[in-house]
Amino acid sequence: MYLGGVVRHRKRVYTFSMRNEFTAVIEQEGDWFAAWSPRIPGANGQGSSVEECRASLGAAIRLILEDRREDGLRGIPPDAIQETLTVQ
């Protein structure tokens, strides 16, 4: 899954680009498929096909991570040092 975007905060623009991989657990329930990711609490998806279910879960994960990134930028003091850190 590719996650990327722009976050605006206090006259600053932060651009981020990340590629994350998550385990998706998909089960069939009657005519529907339901999915969740064990590593992202609250991320759930559903659909009438596996592909639709996977896309729904991907959208939920994207929204949760986007919200967490925005939340992490709130309250940064204007004089704080901000830099890019690469983790492998």
PDB file of N, CA and C in Angstrom:
ATOM      1  N   MET A   1       0.830  -1.159   0.000  1.00  0.00           N
ATOM      2  CA  MET A   1       0.000   0.000   0.000  1.00  0.00           C
ATOM      3  C   MET A   1       0.884   1.235   0.000  1.00  0.00           C
ATOM      4  N   TYR A   2       0.600   2.196  -0.847  1.00  0.00           N
ATOM      5  CA  TYR A   2       1.334   3.453  -0.883  1.00  0.00           C
ATOM      6  C   TYR A   2       0.546   4.494  -0.129  1.00  0.00           C
ATOM      7  N   LEU A   3       1.190   5.161   0.781  1.00  0.00           N
ATOM      8  CA  LEU A   3       0.564   6.247   1.518  1.00  0.00           C
ATOM      9  C   LEU A   3       1.401   7.488   1.292  1.00  0.00           C
ATOM     10  N   GLY A   4       0.787   8.553   0.922  1.00  0.00           N
ATOM     11  CA  GLY A   4       1.527   9.785   0.713  1.00  0.00           C
ATOM     12  C   GLY A   4       0.580  10.953   0.783  1.00  0.00           C
ATOM     13  N   GLY A   5       1.113  12.134   0.859  1.00  0.00           N
ATOM     14  CA  GLY A   5       0.267  13.299   0.895  1.00  0.00           C
ATOM     15  C   GLY A   5       0.986  14.513   1.414  1.00  0.00           C
ATOM     16  N   VAL A   6       0.196  15.538   1.680  1.00  0.00           N
ATOM     17  CA  VAL A   6       0.715  16.805   2.174  1.00  0.00           C
ATOM     18  C   VAL A   6      -0.064  17.171   3.418  1.00  0.00           C
ATOM     19  N   VAL A   7       0.630  17.623   4.441  1.00  0.00           N
ATOM     20  CA  VAL A   7       0.002  18.098   5.662  1.00  0.00           C
ATOM     21  C   VAL A   7       0.399  19.553   5.840  1.00  0.00           C
ATOM     22  N   ARG A   8      -0.585  20.420   6.082  1.00  0.00           N
ATOM     23  CA  ARG A   8      -0.311  21.829   6.332  1.00  0.00           C
ATOM     24  C   ARG A   8      -0.485  22.088   7.816  1.00  0.00           C
ATOM     25  N   HIS A   9       0.492  22.741   8.418  1.00  0.00           N
ATOM     26  CA  HIS A   9       0.440  23.012   9.847  1.00  0.00           C
ATOM     27  C   HIS A   9       1.202  24.302  10.115  1.00  0.00           C
ATOM     28  N   ARG A  10       0.519  25.293  10.664  1.00  0.00           N
ATOM     29  CA  ARG A  10       1.150  26.572  11.046  1.00  0.00           C
ATOM     30  C   ARG A  10       2.045  27.145   9.960  1.00  0.00           C
ATOM     31  N   LYS A  11       1.488  27.399   8.818  1.00  0.00           N
ATOM     32  CA  LYS A  11       2.198  28.013   7.699  1.00  0.00           C
ATOM     33  C   LYS A  11       3.325  27.146   7.147  1.00  0.00           C
ATOM     34  N   ARG A  12       3.431  25.924   7.582  1.00  0.00           N
ATOM     35  CA  ARG A  12       4.449  25.018   7.060  1.00  0.00           C
ATOM     36  C   ARG A  12       3.739  23.916   6.287  1.00  0.00           C
ATOM     37  N   VAL A  13       4.399  23.404   5.303  1.00  0.00           N
ATOM     38  CA  VAL A  13       3.853  22.301   4.517  1.00  0.00           C
ATOM     39  C   VAL A  13       4.792  21.121   4.676  1.00  0.00           C
ATOM     40  N   TYR A  14       4.250  19.995   5.085  1.00  0.00           N
ATOM     41  CA  TYR A  14       5.027  18.771   5.254  1.00  0.00           C
ATOM     42  C   TYR A  14       4.567  17.783   4.196  1.00  0.00           C
ATOM     43  N   THR A  15       5.488  17.287   3.426  1.00  0.00           N
ATOM     44  CA  THR A  15       5.174  16.280   2.429  1.00  0.00           C
ATOM     45  C   THR A  15       5.720  14.950   2.926  1.00  0.00           C
ATOM     46  N   PHE A  16       4.907  13.918   2.812  1.00  0.00           N
ATOM     47  CA  PHE A  16       5.370  12.617   3.240  1.00  0.00           C
ATOM     48  C   PHE A  16       5.018  11.576   2.193  1.00  0.00           C
ATOM     49  N   SER A  17       5.821  10.574   2.129  1.00  0.00           N
ATOM     50  CA  SER A  17       5.618   9.482   1.199  1.00  0.00           C
ATOM     51  C   SER A  17       6.093   8.215   1.896  1.00  0.00           C
ATOM     52  N   MET A  18       5.193   7.284   2.055  1.00  0.00           N
ATOM     53  CA  MET A  18       5.547   6.058   2.753  1.00  0.00           C
ATOM     54  C   MET A  18       4.939   4.856   2.041  1.00  0.00           C
ATOM     55  N   ARG A  19       5.604   3.774   2.160  1.00  0.00           N
ATOM     56  CA  ARG A  19       5.053   2.503   1.686  1.00  0.00           C
ATOM     57  C   ARG A  19       5.011   1.602   2.903  1.00  0.00           C
ATOM     58  N   ASN A  20       3.816   1.156   3.249  1.00  0.00           N
ATOM     59  CA  ASN A  20       3.636   0.287   4.401  1.00  0.00           C
ATOM     60  C   ASN A  20       2.956  -1.000   3.966  1.00  0.00           C
ATOM     61  N   GLU A  21       3.286  -2.072   4.626  1.00  0.00           N
ATOM     62  CA  GLU A  21       2.639  -3.349   4.361  1.00  0.00           C
ATOM     63  C   GLU A  21       2.034  -3.852   5.658  1.00  0.00           C
ATOM     64  N   PHE A  22       0.802  -4.315   5.584  1.00  0.00           N
ATOM     65  CA  PHE A  22       0.070  -4.792   6.750  1.00  0.00           C
ATOM     66  C   PHE A  22      -0.568  -6.135   6.447  1.00  0.00           C
ATOM     67  N   THR A  23      -0.723  -6.934   7.466  1.00  0.00           N
ATOM     68  CA  THR A  23      -1.438  -8.191   7.320  1.00  0.00           C
ATOM     69  C   THR A  23      -2.930  -7.900   7.270  1.00  0.00           C
ATOM     70  N   ALA A  24      -3.604  -8.483   6.304  1.00  0.00           N
ATOM     71  CA  ALA A  24      -5.053  -8.374   6.201  1.00  0.00           C
ATOM     72  C   ALA A  24      -5.643  -9.751   6.480  1.00  0.00           C
ATOM     73  N   VAL A  25      -6.569  -9.818   7.414  1.00  0.00           N
ATOM     74  CA  VAL A  25      -7.283 -11.060   7.707  1.00  0.00           C
ATOM     75  C   VAL A  25      -8.659 -10.913   7.066  1.00  0.00           C
ATOM     76  N   ILE A  26      -8.964 -11.802   6.117  1.00  0.00           N
ATOM     77  CA  ILE A  26     -10.220 -11.716   5.374  1.00  0.00           C
ATOM     78  C   ILE A  26     -10.999 -13.011   5.582  1.00  0.00           C
ATOM     79  N   GLU A  27     -12.264 -12.850   5.966  1.00  0.00           N
ATOM     80  CA  GLU A  27     -13.141 -14.004   6.168  1.00  0.00           C
ATOM     81  C   GLU A  27     -14.430 -13.800   5.391  1.00  0.00           C
ATOM     82  N   GLN A  28     -14.985 -14.898   4.938  1.00  0.00           N
ATOM     83  CA  GLN A  28     -16.268 -14.823   4.258  1.00  0.00           C
ATOM     84  C   GLN A  28     -17.371 -15.061   5.274  1.00  0.00           C
ATOM     85  N   GLU A  29     -18.364 -14.183   5.235  1.00  0.00           N
ATOM     86  CA  GLU A  29     -19.537 -14.295   6.113  1.00  0.00           C
ATOM     87  C   GLU A  29     -20.772 -14.251   5.233  1.00  0.00           C
ATOM     88  N   GLY A  30     -21.275 -15.418   4.887  1.00  0.00           N
ATOM     89  CA  GLY A  30     -22.400 -15.476   3.955  1.00  0.00           C
ATOM     90  C   GLY A  30     -21.954 -15.032   2.581  1.00  0.00           C
ATOM     91  N   ASP A  31     -22.658 -14.052   2.026  1.00  0.00           N
ATOM     92  CA  ASP A  31     -22.307 -13.527   0.703  1.00  0.00           C
ATOM     93  C   ASP A  31     -21.273 -12.403   0.776  1.00  0.00           C
ATOM     94  N   TRP A  32     -20.873 -11.993   1.981  1.00  0.00           N
ATOM     95  CA  TRP A  32     -19.968 -10.859   2.172  1.00  0.00           C
ATOM     96  C   TRP A  32     -18.610 -11.305   2.696  1.00  0.00           C
ATOM     97  N   PHE A  33     -17.638 -10.446   2.495  1.00  0.00           N
ATOM     98  CA  PHE A  33     -16.301 -10.658   3.040  1.00  0.00           C
ATOM     99  C   PHE A  33     -16.027  -9.539   4.046  1.00  0.00           C
ATOM    100  N   ALA A  34     -15.428  -9.901   5.159  1.00  0.00           N
ATOM    101  CA  ALA A  34     -15.059  -8.928   6.197  1.00  0.00           C
ATOM    102  C   ALA A  34     -13.563  -9.055   6.444  1.00  0.00           C
ATOM    103  N   ALA A  35     -12.920  -7.902   6.716  1.00  0.00           N
ATOM    104  CA  ALA A  35     -11.461  -7.900   6.908  1.00  0.00           C
ATOM    105  C   ALA A  35     -11.073  -6.974   8.035  1.00  0.00           C
ATOM    106  N   TRP A  36      -9.931  -7.269   8.623  1.00  0.00           N
ATOM    107  CA  TRP A  36      -9.322  -6.392   9.613  1.00  0.00           C
ATOM    108  C   TRP A  36      -7.822  -6.606   9.564  1.00  0.00           C
ATOM    109  N   SER A  37      -7.094  -5.677  10.166  1.00  0.00           N
ATOM    110  CA  SER A  37      -5.647  -5.794  10.233  1.00  0.00           C
ATOM    111  C   SER A  37      -5.236  -5.843  11.697  1.00  0.00           C
ATOM    112  N   PRO A  38      -4.578  -6.915  12.123  1.00  0.00           N
ATOM    113  CA  PRO A  38      -4.192  -7.056  13.527  1.00  0.00           C
ATOM    114  C   PRO A  38      -3.260  -5.943  14.031  1.00  0.00           C
ATOM    115  N   ARG A  39      -2.506  -5.311  13.140  1.00  0.00           N
ATOM    116  CA  ARG A  39      -1.550  -4.276  13.563  1.00  0.00           C
ATOM    117  C   ARG A  39      -2.130  -2.874  13.602  1.00  0.00           C
ATOM    118  N   ILE A  40      -3.341  -2.695  13.088  1.00  0.00           N
ATOM    119  CA  ILE A  40      -3.972  -1.370  13.084  1.00  0.00           C
ATOM    120  C   ILE A  40      -5.336  -1.494  13.762  1.00  0.00           C
ATOM    121  N   PRO A  41      -5.384  -1.313  15.081  1.00  0.00           N
ATOM    122  CA  PRO A  41      -6.658  -1.425  15.799  1.00  0.00           C
ATOM    123  C   PRO A  41      -7.705  -0.477  15.213  1.00  0.00           C
ATOM    124  N   GLY A  42      -8.888  -1.011  15.018  1.00  0.00           N
ATOM    125  CA  GLY A  42      -9.992  -0.207  14.493  1.00  0.00           C
ATOM    126  C   GLY A  42     -10.121  -0.224  12.989  1.00  0.00           C
ATOM    127  N   ALA A  43      -9.149  -0.797  12.280  1.00  0.00           N
ATOM    128  CA  ALA A  43      -9.208  -0.848  10.815  1.00  0.00           C
ATOM    129  C   ALA A  43     -10.001  -2.077  10.391  1.00  0.00           C
ATOM    130  N   ASN A  44     -11.129  -1.832   9.743  1.00  0.00           N
ATOM    131  CA  ASN A  44     -12.007  -2.894   9.278  1.00  0.00           C
ATOM    132  C   ASN A  44     -12.459  -2.584   7.865  1.00  0.00           C
ATOM    133  N   GLY A  45     -12.739  -3.620   7.105  1.00  0.00           N
ATOM    134  CA  GLY A  45     -13.258  -3.451   5.754  1.00  0.00           C
ATOM    135  C   GLY A  45     -14.284  -4.517   5.454  1.00  0.00           C
ATOM    136  N   GLN A  46     -15.084  -4.262   4.442  1.00  0.00           N
ATOM    137  CA  GLN A  46     -16.067  -5.260   4.009  1.00  0.00           C
ATOM    138  C   GLN A  46     -16.356  -5.061   2.534  1.00  0.00           C
ATOM    139  N   GLY A  47     -16.878  -6.102   1.909  1.00  0.00           N
ATOM    140  CA  GLY A  47     -17.224  -6.007   0.502  1.00  0.00           C
ATOM    141  C   GLY A  47     -17.876  -7.281   0.009  1.00  0.00           C
ATOM    142  N   SER A  48     -18.443  -7.185  -1.180  1.00  0.00           N
ATOM    143  CA  SER A  48     -19.107  -8.356  -1.760  1.00  0.00           C
ATOM    144  C   SER A  48     -18.121  -9.264  -2.483  1.00  0.00           C
ATOM    145  N   SER A  49     -16.856  -8.827  -2.600  1.00  0.00           N
ATOM    146  CA  SER A  49     -15.791  -9.657  -3.171  1.00  0.00           C
ATOM    147  C   SER A  49     -14.534  -9.448  -2.332  1.00  0.00           C
ATOM    148  N   VAL A  50     -13.572 -10.333  -2.491  1.00  0.00           N
ATOM    149  CA  VAL A  50     -12.309 -10.199  -1.761  1.00  0.00           C
ATOM    150  C   VAL A  50     -11.622  -8.892  -2.161  1.00  0.00           C
ATOM    151  N   GLU A  51     -11.635  -8.562  -3.447  1.00  0.00           N
ATOM    152  CA  GLU A  51     -10.984  -7.344  -3.925  1.00  0.00           C
ATOM    153  C   GLU A  51     -11.632  -6.095  -3.330  1.00  0.00           C
ATOM    154  N   GLU A  52     -12.952  -6.068  -3.297  1.00  0.00           N
ATOM    155  CA  GLU A  52     -13.684  -4.932  -2.727  1.00  0.00           C
ATOM    156  C   GLU A  52     -13.410  -4.824  -1.225  1.00  0.00           C
ATOM    157  N   CYS A  53     -13.368  -5.948  -0.561  1.00  0.00           N
ATOM    158  CA  CYS A  53     -13.092  -5.995   0.870  1.00  0.00           C
ATOM    159  C   CYS A  53     -11.676  -5.494   1.162  1.00  0.00           C
ATOM    160  N   ARG A  54     -10.712  -5.932   0.373  1.00  0.00           N
ATOM    161  CA  ARG A  54      -9.322  -5.508   0.532  1.00  0.00           C
ATOM    162  C   ARG A  54      -9.194  -3.997   0.321  1.00  0.00           C
ATOM    163  N   ALA A  55      -9.872  -3.476  -0.694  1.00  0.00           N
ATOM    164  CA  ALA A  55      -9.832  -2.034  -0.965  1.00  0.00           C
ATOM    165  C   ALA A  55     -10.465  -1.248   0.178  1.00  0.00           C
ATOM    166  N   SER A  56     -11.543  -1.766   0.737  1.00  0.00           N
ATOM    167  CA  SER A  56     -12.212  -1.122   1.862  1.00  0.00           C
ATOM    168  C   SER A  56     -11.303  -1.082   3.088  1.00  0.00           C
ATOM    169  N   LEU A  57     -10.620  -2.175   3.359  1.00  0.00           N
ATOM    170  CA  LEU A  57      -9.681  -2.218   4.475  1.00  0.00           C
ATOM    171  C   LEU A  57      -8.521  -1.266   4.228  1.00  0.00           C
ATOM    172  N   GLY A  58      -8.008  -1.221   3.019  1.00  0.00           N
ATOM    173  CA  GLY A  58      -6.917  -0.300   2.684  1.00  0.00           C
ATOM    174  C   GLY A  58      -7.318   1.148   2.917  1.00  0.00           C
ATOM    175  N   ALA A  59      -8.543   1.506   2.541  1.00  0.00           N
ATOM    176  CA  ALA A  59      -9.032   2.871   2.758  1.00  0.00           C
ATOM    177  C   ALA A  59      -9.134   3.178   4.252  1.00  0.00           C
ATOM    178  N   ALA A  60      -9.592   2.213   5.035  1.00  0.00           N
ATOM    179  CA  ALA A  60      -9.696   2.413   6.485  1.00  0.00           C
ATOM    180  C   ALA A  60      -8.318   2.600   7.115  1.00  0.00           C
ATOM    181  N   ILE A  61      -7.350   1.800   6.710  1.00  0.00           N
ATOM    182  CA  ILE A  61      -5.986   1.929   7.238  1.00  0.00           C
ATOM    183  C   ILE A  61      -5.412   3.290   6.861  1.00  0.00           C
ATOM    184  N   ARG A  62      -5.610   3.690   5.607  1.00  0.00           N
ATOM    185  CA  ARG A  62      -5.111   4.986   5.133  1.00  0.00           C
ATOM    186  C   ARG A  62      -5.665   6.127   5.983  1.00  0.00           C
ATOM    187  N   LEU A  63      -6.969   6.112   6.254  1.00  0.00           N
ATOM    188  CA  LEU A  63      -7.596   7.166   7.064  1.00  0.00           C
ATOM    189  C   LEU A  63      -7.065   7.188   8.494  1.00  0.00           C
ATOM    190  N   ILE A  64      -6.907   6.019   9.090  1.00  0.00           N
ATOM    191  CA  ILE A  64      -6.406   5.946  10.472  1.00  0.00           C
ATOM    192  C   ILE A  64      -4.980   6.485  10.550  1.00  0.00           C
ATOM    193  N   LEU A  65      -4.111   6.082   9.629  1.00  0.00           N
ATOM    194  CA  LEU A  65      -2.723   6.549   9.651  1.00  0.00           C
ATOM    195  C   LEU A  65      -2.626   8.048   9.360  1.00  0.00           C
ATOM    196  N   GLU A  66      -3.450   8.523   8.444  1.00  0.00           N
ATOM    197  CA  GLU A  66      -3.475   9.953   8.139  1.00  0.00           C
ATOM    198  C   GLU A  66      -3.879  10.756   9.378  1.00  0.00           C
ATOM    199  N   ASP A  67      -4.896  10.295  10.082  1.00  0.00           N
ATOM    200  CA  ASP A  67      -5.338  10.974  11.299  1.00  0.00           C
ATOM    201  C   ASP A  67      -4.246  10.962  12.371  1.00  0.00           C
ATOM    202  N   ARG A  68      -3.554   9.845  12.506  1.00  0.00           N
ATOM    203  CA  ARG A  68      -2.476   9.754  13.503  1.00  0.00           C
ATOM    204  C   ARG A  68      -1.329  10.693  13.168  1.00  0.00           C
ATOM    205  N   ARG A  69      -1.006  10.834  11.857  1.00  0.00           N
ATOM    206  CA  ARG A  69       0.058  11.757  11.467  1.00  0.00           C
ATOM    207  C   ARG A  69      -0.336  13.204  11.763  1.00  0.00           C
ATOM    208  N   GLU A  70      -1.562  13.561  11.402  1.00  0.00           N
ATOM    209  CA  GLU A  70      -2.039  14.919  11.674  1.00  0.00           C
ATOM    210  C   GLU A  70      -2.075  15.190  13.166  1.00  0.00           C
ATOM    211  N   ASP A  71      -2.507  14.224  13.943  1.00  0.00           N
ATOM    212  CA  ASP A  71      -2.552  14.382  15.393  1.00  0.00           C
ATOM    213  C   ASP A  71      -1.144  14.583  15.950  1.00  0.00           C
ATOM    214  N   GLY A  72      -0.176  13.898  15.384  1.00  0.00           N
ATOM    215  CA  GLY A  72       1.198  14.023  15.845  1.00  0.00           C
ATOM    216  C   GLY A  72       1.807  15.396  15.567  1.00  0.00           C
ATOM    217  N   LEU A  73       1.266  16.130  14.594  1.00  0.00           N
ATOM    218  CA  LEU A  73       1.783  17.458  14.261  1.00  0.00           C
ATOM    219  C   LEU A  73       1.173  18.572  15.114  1.00  0.00           C
ATOM    220  N   ARG A  74       0.076  18.272  15.783  1.00  0.00           N
ATOM    221  CA  ARG A  74      -0.576  19.292  16.604  1.00  0.00           C
ATOM    222  C   ARG A  74       0.301  19.637  17.802  1.00  0.00           C
ATOM    223  N   GLY A  75       0.416  20.903  18.073  1.00  0.00           N
ATOM    224  CA  GLY A  75       1.130  21.334  19.259  1.00  0.00           C
ATOM    225  C   GLY A  75       2.642  21.385  19.140  1.00  0.00           C
ATOM    226  N   ILE A  76       3.176  21.267  17.934  1.00  0.00           N
ATOM    227  CA  ILE A  76       4.630  21.365  17.779  1.00  0.00           C
ATOM    228  C   ILE A  76       5.027  22.825  18.002  1.00  0.00           C
ATOM    229  N   PRO A  77       5.933  23.085  18.930  1.00  0.00           N
ATOM    230  CA  PRO A  77       6.377  24.466  19.145  1.00  0.00           C
ATOM    231  C   PRO A  77       7.049  25.014  17.890  1.00  0.00           C
ATOM    232  N   PRO A  78       6.877  26.315  17.611  1.00  0.00           N
ATOM    233  CA  PRO A  78       7.440  26.887  16.390  1.00  0.00           C
ATOM    234  C   PRO A  78       8.965  26.791  16.319  1.00  0.00           C
ATOM    235  N   ASP A  79       9.639  26.717  17.461  1.00  0.00           N
ATOM    236  CA  ASP A  79      11.098  26.655  17.457  1.00  0.00           C
ATOM    237  C   ASP A  79      11.646  25.227  17.552  1.00  0.00           C
ATOM    238  N   ALA A  80      10.772  24.237  17.481  1.00  0.00           N
ATOM    239  CA  ALA A  80      11.210  22.837  17.560  1.00  0.00           C
ATOM    240  C   ALA A  80      11.978  22.449  16.299  1.00  0.00           C
ATOM    241  N   ILE A  81      12.956  21.613  16.468  1.00  0.00           N
ATOM    242  CA  ILE A  81      13.717  21.090  15.327  1.00  0.00           C
ATOM    243  C   ILE A  81      12.898  19.971  14.700  1.00  0.00           C
ATOM    244  N   GLN A  82      12.730  20.070  13.392  1.00  0.00           N
ATOM    245  CA  GLN A  82      12.015  19.034  12.660  1.00  0.00           C
ATOM    246  C   GLN A  82      12.920  18.556  11.541  1.00  0.00           C
ATOM    247  N   GLU A  83      13.127  17.260  11.471  1.00  0.00           N
ATOM    248  CA  GLU A  83      13.990  16.704  10.442  1.00  0.00           C
ATOM    249  C   GLU A  83      13.465  15.342  10.017  1.00  0.00           C
ATOM    250  N   THR A  84      13.999  14.857   8.935  1.00  0.00           N
ATOM    251  CA  THR A  84      13.594  13.548   8.407  1.00  0.00           C
ATOM    252  C   THR A  84      14.464  12.475   9.034  1.00  0.00           C
ATOM    253  N   LEU A  85      13.835  11.409   9.489  1.00  0.00           N
ATOM    254  CA  LEU A  85      14.515  10.269  10.083  1.00  0.00           C
ATOM    255  C   LEU A  85      14.175   9.041   9.256  1.00  0.00           C
ATOM    256  N   THR A  86      15.177   8.333   8.781  1.00  0.00           N
ATOM    257  CA  THR A  86      14.949   7.133   7.999  1.00  0.00           C
ATOM    258  C   THR A  86      15.129   5.918   8.882  1.00  0.00           C
ATOM    259  N   VAL A  87      14.131   5.053   8.895  1.00  0.00           N
ATOM    260  CA  VAL A  87      14.168   3.823   9.697  1.00  0.00           C
ATOM    261  C   VAL A  87      14.066   2.647   8.742  1.00  0.00           C
ATOM    262  N   GLN A  88      14.964   1.677   8.905  1.00  0.00           N
ATOM    263  CA  GLN A  88      14.929   0.505   8.022  1.00  0.00           C
ATOM    264  C   GLN A  88      14.648  -0.737   8.807  1.00  0.00           C
TER     265      GLN A  88
END
